[in-house]
């Protein structure tokens, strides 16, 4: 049986997942992004989930290639509390 340990994600580590409704979600640098529905192929564009924020992230094959997170509209963006996840011990 494989032993599992708790591992806190690094702030610069991209965490890909899905919402309760099955939609793709990305957590990067403490911010949450939803995938642009028009993104096709290996390159994906992700938008910040906070209303009024224009921040976006571009990924290719789940690797971050561009990240723009500037604070417009009085800094409405807040970092999300990322939960710990289980990772196999190596």
Protein backbone atom coordinates (compact mmCIF):
# COMPACT_ATOMS: atom_id res chain seq x y z
CA UNK A 1 0.00 0.00 0.00
CA UNK A 2 1.33 3.41 -1.00
CA UNK A 3 1.77 5.91 1.83
CA UNK A 4 0.31 9.40 1.32
CA UNK A 5 1.53 12.60 2.94
CA UNK A 6 0.10 16.11 3.03
CA UNK A 7 1.89 18.49 0.75
CA UNK A 8 1.22 22.24 0.58
CA UNK A 9 1.30 23.59 -2.99
CA UNK A 10 3.98 26.14 -3.83
CA UNK A 11 2.68 29.60 -4.70
CA UNK A 12 4.22 29.38 -8.19
CA UNK A 13 2.78 25.92 -8.83
CA UNK A 14 -0.21 25.69 -11.18
CA UNK A 15 -3.02 23.53 -9.82
CA UNK A 16 -5.53 22.30 -12.40
CA UNK A 17 -8.88 20.94 -11.32
CA UNK A 18 -12.61 21.02 -11.92
CA UNK A 19 -15.50 22.75 -10.18
CA UNK A 20 -18.46 20.94 -8.66
CA UNK A 21 -20.20 21.39 -12.01
CA UNK A 22 -17.26 19.87 -13.90
CA UNK A 23 -15.84 23.09 -15.36
CA UNK A 24 -12.04 23.46 -15.60
CA UNK A 25 -10.39 25.68 -12.98
CA UNK A 26 -6.80 26.82 -12.42
CA UNK A 27 -5.24 28.09 -9.20
CA UNK A 28 -1.96 29.92 -9.73
CA UNK A 29 -0.09 32.29 -7.39
CA UNK A 30 -3.03 32.12 -5.03
CA UNK A 31 -5.59 33.32 -7.61
CA UNK A 32 -8.42 31.31 -9.15
CA UNK A 33 -9.03 31.30 -12.91
CA UNK A 34 -11.75 29.83 -15.14
CA UNK A 35 -10.95 28.54 -18.64
CA UNK A 36 -12.09 30.62 -21.59
CA UNK A 37 -14.70 28.55 -23.43
CA UNK A 38 -13.29 29.73 -26.79
CA UNK A 39 -9.85 28.20 -26.08
CA UNK A 40 -9.13 25.28 -28.38
CA UNK A 41 -6.09 23.14 -29.04
CA UNK A 42 -3.11 22.96 -26.68
CA UNK A 43 -3.09 26.71 -25.88
CA UNK A 44 -5.64 27.73 -23.24
CA UNK A 45 -6.60 31.13 -21.86
CA UNK A 46 -7.79 31.48 -18.28
CA UNK A 47 -9.59 34.47 -16.71
CA UNK A 48 -9.59 35.61 -13.07
CA UNK A 49 -12.85 34.70 -11.32
CA UNK A 50 -13.25 38.04 -9.54
CA UNK A 51 -15.82 40.36 -11.13
CA UNK A 52 -14.19 43.29 -12.90
CA UNK A 53 -10.67 41.83 -12.88
CA UNK A 54 -8.96 41.59 -16.27
CA UNK A 55 -6.19 39.24 -15.17
CA UNK A 56 -5.47 36.25 -17.38
CA UNK A 57 -3.11 33.32 -17.73
CA UNK A 58 -2.07 31.49 -20.90
CA UNK A 59 -1.09 27.83 -20.75
CA UNK A 60 0.22 25.36 -23.30
CA UNK A 61 -0.11 21.70 -22.34
CA UNK A 62 -0.68 22.73 -18.68
CA UNK A 63 2.52 24.82 -18.55
CA UNK A 64 2.22 28.54 -17.72
CA UNK A 65 3.56 30.66 -20.59
CA UNK A 66 2.09 34.08 -19.72
CA UNK A 67 0.60 35.55 -16.54
CA UNK A 68 -0.80 39.07 -16.24
CA UNK A 69 -2.42 39.89 -12.90
CA UNK A 70 -2.77 43.61 -12.39
CA UNK A 71 -5.12 45.17 -9.89
CA UNK A 72 -7.76 47.31 -11.60
CA UNK A 73 -10.90 48.72 -10.01
CA UNK A 74 -9.50 49.28 -6.54
CA UNK A 75 -7.86 45.89 -6.10
CA UNK A 76 -10.96 43.69 -5.98
CA UNK A 77 -8.90 40.56 -6.42
CA UNK A 78 -8.06 38.59 -3.35
CA UNK A 79 -5.98 35.50 -3.07
CA UNK A 80 -7.93 32.31 -2.63
CA UNK A 81 -7.26 29.91 0.20
CA UNK A 82 -5.85 26.87 -1.49
CA UNK A 83 -6.56 23.63 0.28
CA UNK A 84 -3.92 21.07 1.01
CA UNK A 85 -3.97 18.04 -1.23
CA UNK A 86 -2.63 14.54 -0.93
CA UNK A 87 0.46 13.65 -2.88
CA UNK A 88 2.25 10.29 -2.99
CA UNK A 89 5.51 10.19 -1.07
CA UNK A 90 8.48 9.89 -3.39
